[in-house]
C-alpha atoms as a PDB file:
ATOM      1  CA  MET A   1     123.041 -44.642 134.682  1.00  0.00           C
ATOM      2  CA  LEU A   2     119.893 -45.050 132.615  1.00  0.00           C
ATOM      3  CA  VAL A   3     117.824 -45.952 135.747  1.00  0.00           C
ATOM      4  CA  GLY A   4     119.062 -42.877 137.582  1.00  0.00           C
ATOM      5  CA  GLY A   5     118.093 -40.628 134.654  1.00  0.00           C
ATOM      6  CA  LEU A   6     114.665 -42.265 134.373  1.00  0.00           C
ATOM      7  CA  VAL A   7     114.016 -41.798 138.152  1.00  0.00           C
ATOM      8  CA  THR A   8     115.053 -38.108 137.936  1.00  0.00           C
ATOM      9  CA  PHE A   9     112.682 -37.683 134.954  1.00  0.00           C
ATOM     10  CA  LEU A  10     109.771 -39.237 136.818  1.00  0.00           C
ATOM     11  CA  VAL A  11     110.424 -37.180 139.939  1.00  0.00           C
ATOM     12  CA  VAL A  12     110.391 -33.978 137.909  1.00  0.00           C
ATOM     13  CA  ILE A  13     107.088 -34.998 136.203  1.00  0.00           C
ATOM     14  CA  LEU A  14     105.592 -35.857 139.623  1.00  0.00           C
ATOM     15  CA  VAL A  15     106.672 -32.497 141.163  1.00  0.00           C
ATOM     16  CA  LEU A  16     105.310 -30.580 138.202  1.00  0.00           C
ATOM     17  CA  TYR A  17     102.035 -32.396 138.672  1.00  0.00           C
ATOM     18  CA  LEU A  18     101.919 -31.578 142.288  1.00  0.00           C
ATOM     19  CA  ILE A  19     102.743 -27.906 141.618  1.00  0.00           C
ATOM     20  CA  ASN A  20      99.660 -27.800 139.280  1.00  0.00           C
ATOM     21  CA  MET A  21      97.516 -29.046 142.206  1.00  0.00           C
ATOM     22  CA  LEU A  22      98.566 -26.321 144.613  1.00  0.00           C
ATOM     23  CA  PRO A  23      96.256 -23.390 145.211  1.00  0.00           C
ATOM     24  CA  MET A  24      98.621 -20.633 144.097  1.00  0.00           C
ATOM     25  CA  ASP A  25      98.308 -17.861 141.511  1.00  0.00           C
ATOM     26  CA  GLY A  26      99.480 -18.292 137.951  1.00  0.00           C
ATOM     27  CA  ARG A  27     102.700 -16.333 138.339  1.00  0.00           C
ATOM     28  CA  ALA A  28     103.967 -18.300 141.320  1.00  0.00           C
ATOM     29  CA  LYS A  29     103.151 -21.634 139.607  1.00  0.00           C
ATOM     30  CA  GLN A  30     105.127 -20.507 136.483  1.00  0.00           C
ATOM     31  CA  ILE A  31     108.192 -19.638 138.612  1.00  0.00           C
ATOM     32  CA  ALA A  32     108.034 -22.926 140.522  1.00  0.00           C
ATOM     33  CA  ARG A  33     107.678 -24.792 137.169  1.00  0.00           C
ATOM     34  CA  VAL A  34     110.736 -23.067 135.744  1.00  0.00           C
ATOM     35  CA  VAL A  35     112.806 -23.790 138.802  1.00  0.00           C
ATOM     36  CA  VAL A  36     111.862 -27.485 138.858  1.00  0.00           C
ATOM     37  CA  ILE A  37     112.606 -27.871 135.106  1.00  0.00           C
ATOM     38  CA  ILE A  38     115.988 -26.184 135.490  1.00  0.00           C
ATOM     39  CA  ILE A  39     116.847 -28.473 138.427  1.00  0.00           C
ATOM     40  CA  GLY A  40     115.707 -31.477 136.474  1.00  0.00           C
ATOM     41  CA  VAL A  41     117.677 -30.676 133.466  1.00  0.00           C
ATOM     42  CA  VAL A  42     120.832 -30.115 135.433  1.00  0.00           C
ATOM     43  CA  SER A  43     120.366 -33.459 137.258  1.00  0.00           C
ATOM     44  CA  LEU A  44     119.792 -35.200 133.895  1.00  0.00           C
ATOM     45  CA  LEU A  45     122.910 -33.655 132.440  1.00  0.00           C
ATOM     46  CA  LYS A  46     124.812 -34.861 135.459  1.00  0.00           C
ATOM     47  CA  TYR A  47     123.641 -38.418 134.753  1.00  0.00           C
ATOM     48  CA  LEU A  48     124.758 -38.038 131.190  1.00  0.00           C
ATOM     49  CA  THR A  49     128.237 -37.025 132.445  1.00  0.00           C
ATOM     50  CA  VAL A  50     128.108 -33.635 130.900  1.00  0.00           C
ATOM     51  CA  PHE A  51     129.012 -32.014 134.266  1.00  0.00           C
END
């Protein structure tokens, strides 16, 4: 359980880093960051057996 949560956290951090490297405008990056963070939080809650 702990390993799965840690892997999910690291994947979210990596995806956020890659989004920052993309040549997109600020608004699109902000939307992409919010979507990734929401998906990451839901995944972490799943590992913590909230859902």
